[in-house]
PDB file of N, CA and C in Angstrom:
ATOM      1  N   MET A   1     102.939 141.877  98.035  1.00  0.00           N
ATOM      2  CA  MET A   1     103.171 140.592  98.649  1.00  0.00           C
ATOM      3  C   MET A   1     104.559 140.583  99.301  1.00  0.00           C
ATOM      4  N   ARG A   2     105.504 141.164  98.610  1.00  0.00           N
ATOM      5  CA  ARG A   2     106.861 141.205  99.151  1.00  0.00           C
ATOM      6  C   ARG A   2     106.883 141.929 100.508  1.00  0.00           C
ATOM      7  N   GLU A   3     106.128 143.033 100.575  1.00  0.00           N
ATOM      8  CA  GLU A   3     106.079 143.801 101.821  1.00  0.00           C
ATOM      9  C   GLU A   3     105.468 142.973 102.958  1.00  0.00           C
ATOM     10  N   LEU A   4     104.396 142.226 102.644  1.00  0.00           N
ATOM     11  CA  LEU A   4     103.793 141.343 103.652  1.00  0.00           C
ATOM     12  C   LEU A   4     104.786 140.294 104.133  1.00  0.00           C
ATOM     13  N   ALA A   5     105.465 139.671 103.192  1.00  0.00           N
ATOM     14  CA  ALA A   5     106.436 138.638 103.544  1.00  0.00           C
ATOM     15  C   ALA A   5     107.524 139.200 104.443  1.00  0.00           C
ATOM     16  N   GLN A   6     108.022 140.375 104.093  1.00  0.00           N
ATOM     17  CA  GLN A   6     109.065 140.992 104.912  1.00  0.00           C
ATOM     18  C   GLN A   6     108.532 141.340 106.298  1.00  0.00           C
ATOM     19  N   HIS A   7     107.353 141.897 106.338  1.00  0.00           N
ATOM     20  CA  HIS A   7     106.759 142.283 107.622  1.00  0.00           C
ATOM     21  C   HIS A   7     106.534 141.072 108.528  1.00  0.00           C
ATOM     22  N   LEU A   8     106.055 139.988 107.940  1.00  0.00           N
ATOM     23  CA  LEU A   8     105.753 138.786 108.715  1.00  0.00           C
ATOM     24  C   LEU A   8     106.977 137.899 108.946  1.00  0.00           C
ATOM     25  N   GLY A   9     108.048 138.168 108.211  1.00  0.00           N
ATOM     26  CA  GLY A   9     109.251 137.363 108.348  1.00  0.00           C
ATOM     27  C   GLY A   9     109.121 135.985 107.740  1.00  0.00           C
ATOM     28  N   ILE A  10     108.331 135.887 106.666  1.00  0.00           N
ATOM     29  CA  ILE A  10     108.133 134.607 105.977  1.00  0.00           C
ATOM     30  C   ILE A  10     108.379 134.818 104.489  1.00  0.00           C
ATOM     31  N   ASP A  11     108.493 133.716 103.740  1.00  0.00           N
ATOM     32  CA  ASP A  11     108.701 133.886 102.307  1.00  0.00           C
ATOM     33  C   ASP A  11     107.365 134.085 101.587  1.00  0.00           C
ATOM     34  N   GLU A  12     107.455 134.543 100.344  1.00  0.00           N
ATOM     35  CA  GLU A  12     106.251 134.899  99.591  1.00  0.00           C
ATOM     36  C   GLU A  12     105.330 133.709  99.358  1.00  0.00           C
ATOM     37  N   SER A  13     105.885 132.519  99.199  1.00  0.00           N
ATOM     38  CA  SER A  13     105.028 131.344  98.986  1.00  0.00           C
ATOM     39  C   SER A  13     104.171 131.065 100.218  1.00  0.00           C
ATOM     40  N   GLU A  14     104.707 131.333 101.391  1.00  0.00           N
ATOM     41  CA  GLU A  14     103.920 131.140 102.613  1.00  0.00           C
ATOM     42  C   GLU A  14     102.821 132.196 102.725  1.00  0.00           C
ATOM     43  N   VAL A  15     103.105 133.414 102.256  1.00  0.00           N
ATOM     44  CA  VAL A  15     102.073 134.453 102.221  1.00  0.00           C
ATOM     45  C   VAL A  15     100.924 133.991 101.335  1.00  0.00           C
ATOM     46  N   ILE A  16     101.251 133.441 100.176  1.00  0.00           N
ATOM     47  CA  ILE A  16     100.221 132.947  99.252  1.00  0.00           C
ATOM     48  C   ILE A  16      99.430 131.820  99.901  1.00  0.00           C
ATOM     49  N   GLN A  17     100.110 130.895 100.552  1.00  0.00           N
ATOM     50  CA  GLN A  17      99.432 129.783 101.217  1.00  0.00           C
ATOM     51  C   GLN A  17      98.473 130.296 102.283  1.00  0.00           C
ATOM     52  N   GLN A  18      98.912 131.243 103.096  1.00  0.00           N
ATOM     53  CA  GLN A  18      98.049 131.793 104.139  1.00  0.00           C
ATOM     54  C   GLN A  18      96.863 132.539 103.538  1.00  0.00           C
ATOM     55  N   ALA A  19      97.102 133.236 102.430  1.00  0.00           N
ATOM     56  CA  ALA A  19      96.018 133.971 101.769  1.00  0.00           C
ATOM     57  C   ALA A  19      94.958 133.009 101.238  1.00  0.00           C
ATOM     58  N   VAL A  20      95.384 131.909 100.646  1.00  0.00           N
ATOM     59  CA  VAL A  20      94.437 130.916 100.129  1.00  0.00           C
ATOM     60  C   VAL A  20      93.649 130.299 101.278  1.00  0.00           C
ATOM     61  N   GLU A  21      94.330 129.934 102.352  1.00  0.00           N
ATOM     62  CA  GLU A  21      93.645 129.345 103.503  1.00  0.00           C
ATOM     63  C   GLU A  21      92.626 130.313 104.091  1.00  0.00           C
ATOM     64  N   THR A  22      93.009 131.569 104.224  1.00  0.00           N
ATOM     65  CA  THR A  22      92.096 132.582 104.754  1.00  0.00           C
ATOM     66  C   THR A  22      90.901 132.760 103.831  1.00  0.00           C
ATOM     67  N   GLY A  23      91.152 132.779 102.530  1.00  0.00           N
ATOM     68  CA  GLY A  23      90.066 132.925 101.559  1.00  0.00           C
ATOM     69  C   GLY A  23      89.097 131.760 101.604  1.00  0.00           C
ATOM     70  N   VAL A  24      89.611 130.559 101.706  1.00  0.00           N
ATOM     71  CA  VAL A  24      88.757 129.370 101.774  1.00  0.00           C
ATOM     72  C   VAL A  24      87.926 129.393 103.055  1.00  0.00           C
ATOM     73  N   GLU A  25      88.540 129.786 104.165  1.00  0.00           N
ATOM     74  CA  GLU A  25      87.797 129.875 105.427  1.00  0.00           C
ATOM     75  C   GLU A  25      86.667 130.897 105.324  1.00  0.00           C
ATOM     76  N   THR A  26      86.939 132.022 104.682  1.00  0.00           N
ATOM     77  CA  THR A  26      85.917 133.056 104.503  1.00  0.00           C
ATOM     78  C   THR A  26      84.794 132.554 103.611  1.00  0.00           C
ATOM     79  N   LEU A  27      85.144 131.890 102.519  1.00  0.00           N
ATOM     80  CA  LEU A  27      84.124 131.342 101.618  1.00  0.00           C
ATOM     81  C   LEU A  27      83.265 130.301 102.332  1.00  0.00           C
ATOM     82  N   TYR A  28      83.880 129.456 103.143  1.00  0.00           N
ATOM     83  CA  TYR A  28      83.139 128.434 103.881  1.00  0.00           C
ATOM     84  C   TYR A  28      82.177 129.088 104.871  1.00  0.00           C
ATOM     85  N   ARG A  29      82.663 130.101 105.597  1.00  0.00           N
ATOM     86  CA  ARG A  29      81.824 130.832 106.553  1.00  0.00           C
ATOM     87  C   ARG A  29      80.631 131.454 105.836  1.00  0.00           C
ATOM     88  N   ASP A  30      80.887 132.085 104.696  1.00  0.00           N
ATOM     89  CA  ASP A  30      79.811 132.708 103.926  1.00  0.00           C
ATOM     90  C   ASP A  30      78.796 131.675 103.442  1.00  0.00           C
ATOM     91  N   MET A  31      79.273 130.483 103.063  1.00  0.00           N
ATOM     92  CA  MET A  31      78.376 129.422 102.615  1.00  0.00           C
ATOM     93  C   MET A  31      77.470 128.969 103.758  1.00  0.00           C
ATOM     94  N   ILE A  32      78.039 128.793 104.942  1.00  0.00           N
ATOM     95  CA  ILE A  32      77.250 128.363 106.100  1.00  0.00           C
ATOM     96  C   ILE A  32      76.201 129.415 106.429  1.00  0.00           C
ATOM     97  N   ILE A  33      76.583 130.688 106.422  1.00  0.00           N
ATOM     98  CA  ILE A  33      75.629 131.769 106.692  1.00  0.00           C
ATOM     99  C   ILE A  33      74.518 131.763 105.661  1.00  0.00           C
ATOM    100  N   SER A  34      74.864 131.622 104.405  1.00  0.00           N
ATOM    101  CA  SER A  34      73.862 131.605 103.336  1.00  0.00           C
ATOM    102  C   SER A  34      72.900 130.431 103.501  1.00  0.00           C
ATOM    103  N   ARG A  35      73.434 129.260 103.786  1.00  0.00           N
ATOM    104  CA  ARG A  35      72.577 128.089 103.982  1.00  0.00           C
ATOM    105  C   ARG A  35      71.653 128.279 105.178  1.00  0.00           C
ATOM    106  N   TYR A  36      72.151 128.890 106.237  1.00  0.00           N
ATOM    107  CA  TYR A  36      71.339 129.157 107.423  1.00  0.00           C
ATOM    108  C   TYR A  36      70.217 130.137 107.086  1.00  0.00           C
ATOM    109  N   LEU A  37      70.558 131.231 106.430  1.00  0.00           N
ATOM    110  CA  LEU A  37      69.549 132.233 106.092  1.00  0.00           C
ATOM    111  C   LEU A  37      68.520 131.710 105.091  1.00  0.00           C
ATOM    112  N   ASP A  38      68.934 130.785 104.232  1.00  0.00           N
ATOM    113  CA  ASP A  38      68.009 130.186 103.262  1.00  0.00           C
ATOM    114  C   ASP A  38      67.129 129.109 103.883  1.00  0.00           C
ATOM    115  N   GLY A  39      67.403 128.743 105.132  1.00  0.00           N
ATOM    116  CA  GLY A  39      66.614 127.717 105.803  1.00  0.00           C
ATOM    117  C   GLY A  39      67.084 126.306 105.522  1.00  0.00           C
ATOM    118  N   ASP A  40      68.237 126.175 104.873  1.00  0.00           N
ATOM    119  CA  ASP A  40      68.776 124.853 104.560  1.00  0.00           C
ATOM    120  C   ASP A  40      69.606 124.274 105.701  1.00  0.00           C
ATOM    121  N   LEU A  41      69.851 125.083 106.727  1.00  0.00           N
ATOM    122  CA  LEU A  41      70.658 124.670 107.863  1.00  0.00           C
ATOM    123  C   LEU A  41      69.975 125.186 109.126  1.00  0.00           C
ATOM    124  N   THR A  42      69.868 124.343 110.123  1.00  0.00           N
ATOM    125  CA  THR A  42      69.236 124.774 111.369  1.00  0.00           C
ATOM    126  C   THR A  42      70.140 125.758 112.112  1.00  0.00           C
ATOM    127  N   ARG A  43      69.533 126.485 113.024  1.00  0.00           N
ATOM    128  CA  ARG A  43      70.317 127.419 113.841  1.00  0.00           C
ATOM    129  C   ARG A  43      71.360 126.645 114.644  1.00  0.00           C
ATOM    130  N   GLU A  44      70.952 125.512 115.176  1.00  0.00           N
ATOM    131  CA  GLU A  44      71.872 124.689 115.964  1.00  0.00           C
ATOM    132  C   GLU A  44      73.081 124.256 115.139  1.00  0.00           C
ATOM    133  N   ALA A  45      72.843 123.834 113.905  1.00  0.00           N
ATOM    134  CA  ALA A  45      73.949 123.427 113.035  1.00  0.00           C
ATOM    135  C   ALA A  45      74.841 124.617 112.695  1.00  0.00           C
ATOM    136  N   ALA A  46      74.229 125.776 112.471  1.00  0.00           N
ATOM    137  CA  ALA A  46      75.015 126.979 112.184  1.00  0.00           C
ATOM    138  C   ALA A  46      75.874 127.358 113.389  1.00  0.00           C
ATOM    139  N   VAL A  47      75.299 127.249 114.584  1.00  0.00           N
ATOM    140  CA  VAL A  47      76.065 127.539 115.803  1.00  0.00           C
ATOM    141  C   VAL A  47      77.220 126.555 115.944  1.00  0.00           C
ATOM    142  N   ASP A  48      76.977 125.290 115.641  1.00  0.00           N
ATOM    143  CA  ASP A  48      78.047 124.289 115.709  1.00  0.00           C
ATOM    144  C   ASP A  48      79.202 124.652 114.780  1.00  0.00           C
ATOM    145  N   GLU A  49      78.880 125.187 113.607  1.00  0.00           N
ATOM    146  CA  GLU A  49      79.907 125.520 112.614  1.00  0.00           C
ATOM    147  C   GLU A  49      80.579 126.864 112.877  1.00  0.00           C
ATOM    148  N   LEU A  50      79.792 127.861 113.296  1.00  0.00           N
ATOM    149  CA  LEU A  50      80.292 129.235 113.348  1.00  0.00           C
ATOM    150  C   LEU A  50      80.445 129.801 114.749  1.00  0.00           C
ATOM    151  N   GLY A  51      79.752 129.204 115.699  1.00  0.00           N
ATOM    152  CA  GLY A  51      79.736 129.745 117.053  1.00  0.00           C
ATOM    153  C   GLY A  51      78.509 130.610 117.272  1.00  0.00           C
ATOM    154  N   ALA A  52      78.081 130.679 118.515  1.00  0.00           N
ATOM    155  CA  ALA A  52      76.852 131.397 118.857  1.00  0.00           C
ATOM    156  C   ALA A  52      76.960 132.888 118.585  1.00  0.00           C
ATOM    157  N   ASP A  53      78.123 133.481 118.831  1.00  0.00           N
ATOM    158  CA  ASP A  53      78.270 134.924 118.617  1.00  0.00           C
ATOM    159  C   ASP A  53      78.049 135.310 117.162  1.00  0.00           C
ATOM    160  N   VAL A  54      78.618 134.542 116.252  1.00  0.00           N
ATOM    161  CA  VAL A  54      78.466 134.847 114.824  1.00  0.00           C
ATOM    162  C   VAL A  54      77.015 134.688 114.406  1.00  0.00           C
ATOM    163  N   VAL A  55      76.372 133.615 114.835  1.00  0.00           N
ATOM    164  CA  VAL A  55      74.975 133.386 114.460  1.00  0.00           C
ATOM    165  C   VAL A  55      74.078 134.461 115.072  1.00  0.00           C
ATOM    166  N   ASP A  56      74.371 134.885 116.284  1.00  0.00           N
ATOM    167  CA  ASP A  56      73.611 135.987 116.887  1.00  0.00           C
ATOM    168  C   ASP A  56      73.752 137.262 116.054  1.00  0.00           C
ATOM    169  N   GLN A  57      74.955 137.545 115.567  1.00  0.00           N
ATOM    170  CA  GLN A  57      75.176 138.718 114.715  1.00  0.00           C
ATOM    171  C   GLN A  57      74.402 138.599 113.409  1.00  0.00           C
ATOM    172  N   VAL A  58      74.388 137.410 112.830  1.00  0.00           N
ATOM    173  CA  VAL A  58      73.642 137.176 111.591  1.00  0.00           C
ATOM    174  C   VAL A  58      72.153 137.388 111.837  1.00  0.00           C
ATOM    175  N   ASP A  59      71.646 136.851 112.935  1.00  0.00           N
ATOM    176  CA  ASP A  59      70.232 137.025 113.271  1.00  0.00           C
ATOM    177  C   ASP A  59      69.888 138.500 113.460  1.00  0.00           C
ATOM    178  N   SER A  60      70.740 139.221 114.160  1.00  0.00           N
ATOM    179  CA  SER A  60      70.496 140.651 114.391  1.00  0.00           C
ATOM    180  C   SER A  60      70.483 141.426 113.083  1.00  0.00           C
ATOM    181  N   ALA A  61      71.423 141.124 112.205  1.00  0.00           N
ATOM    182  CA  ALA A  61      71.480 141.809 110.910  1.00  0.00           C
ATOM    183  C   ALA A  61      70.239 141.498 110.080  1.00  0.00           C
ATOM    184  N   ARG A  62      69.831 140.227 110.062  1.00  0.00           N
ATOM    185  CA  ARG A  62      68.634 139.839 109.316  1.00  0.00           C
ATOM    186  C   ARG A  62      67.407 140.554 109.865  1.00  0.00           C
ATOM    187  N   ASP A  63      67.266 140.572 111.183  1.00  0.00           N
ATOM    188  CA  ASP A  63      66.117 141.235 111.805  1.00  0.00           C
ATOM    189  C   ASP A  63      66.090 142.721 111.476  1.00  0.00           C
ATOM    190  N   ALA A  64      67.244 143.365 111.501  1.00  0.00           N
ATOM    191  CA  ALA A  64      67.309 144.795 111.189  1.00  0.00           C
ATOM    192  C   ALA A  64      66.905 145.060 109.744  1.00  0.00           C
ATOM    193  N   ILE A  65      67.356 144.214 108.839  1.00  0.00           N
ATOM    194  CA  ILE A  65      66.996 144.377 107.424  1.00  0.00           C
ATOM    195  C   ILE A  65      65.502 144.168 107.236  1.00  0.00           C
ATOM    196  N   GLU A  66      64.955 143.135 107.874  1.00  0.00           N
ATOM    197  CA  GLU A  66      63.517 142.883 107.754  1.00  0.00           C
ATOM    198  C   GLU A  66      62.703 144.048 108.305  1.00  0.00           C
ATOM    199  N   GLU A  67      63.139 144.631 109.414  1.00  0.00           N
ATOM    200  CA  GLU A  67      62.445 145.793 109.981  1.00  0.00           C
ATOM    201  C   GLU A  67      62.525 146.989 109.038  1.00  0.00           C
ATOM    202  N   ASP A  68      63.686 147.206 108.430  1.00  0.00           N
ATOM    203  CA  ASP A  68      63.843 148.315 107.485  1.00  0.00           C
ATOM    204  C   ASP A  68      62.943 148.139 106.268  1.00  0.00           C
ATOM    205  N   VAL A  69      62.873 146.923 105.760  1.00  0.00           N
ATOM    206  CA  VAL A  69      62.019 146.652 104.602  1.00  0.00           C
ATOM    207  C   VAL A  69      60.561 146.873 104.974  1.00  0.00           C
ATOM    208  N   GLU A  70      60.155 146.361 106.121  1.00  0.00           N
ATOM    209  CA  GLU A  70      58.774 146.538 106.580  1.00  0.00           C
ATOM    210  C   GLU A  70      58.451 148.022 106.736  1.00  0.00           C
ATOM    211  N   TRP A  71      59.350 148.781 107.341  1.00  0.00           N
ATOM    212  CA  TRP A  71      59.145 150.219 107.506  1.00  0.00           C
ATOM    213  C   TRP A  71      59.029 150.888 106.138  1.00  0.00           C
ATOM    214  N   GLY A  72      59.905 150.498 105.203  1.00  0.00           N
ATOM    215  CA  GLY A  72      59.889 151.088 103.869  1.00  0.00           C
ATOM    216  C   GLY A  72      58.606 150.802 103.115  1.00  0.00           C
ATOM    217  N   LEU A  73      58.039 149.645 103.326  1.00  0.00           N
ATOM    218  CA  LEU A  73      56.796 149.291 102.644  1.00  0.00           C
ATOM    219  C   LEU A  73      55.610 150.084 103.170  1.00  0.00           C
ATOM    220  N   HIS A  74      55.715 150.560 104.395  1.00  0.00           N
ATOM    221  CA  HIS A  74      54.600 151.280 104.998  1.00  0.00           C
ATOM    222  C   HIS A  74      54.872 152.772 105.176  1.00  0.00           C
ATOM    223  N   ALA A  75      55.938 153.262 104.600  1.00  0.00           N
ATOM    224  CA  ALA A  75      56.283 154.690 104.740  1.00  0.00           C
ATOM    225  C   ALA A  75      55.520 155.532 103.733  1.00  0.00           C
TER     226      ALA A  75
END
């Protein structure tokens, strides 16, 4: 932590604050993705929260996994 603070030119308490904020943002993003994939959130709502690029990436990843599972079941 000390090295980060020195590198960024801020004190250690600010490093901790930024780390918590970043962690909360990541957890929130993961929650939105999970709700979208579970069908509890529409694609439109997910796009509103995360942006179209992120939702497109999530859709692509889901489709690839589904294709792999389907291939595995018939191999």
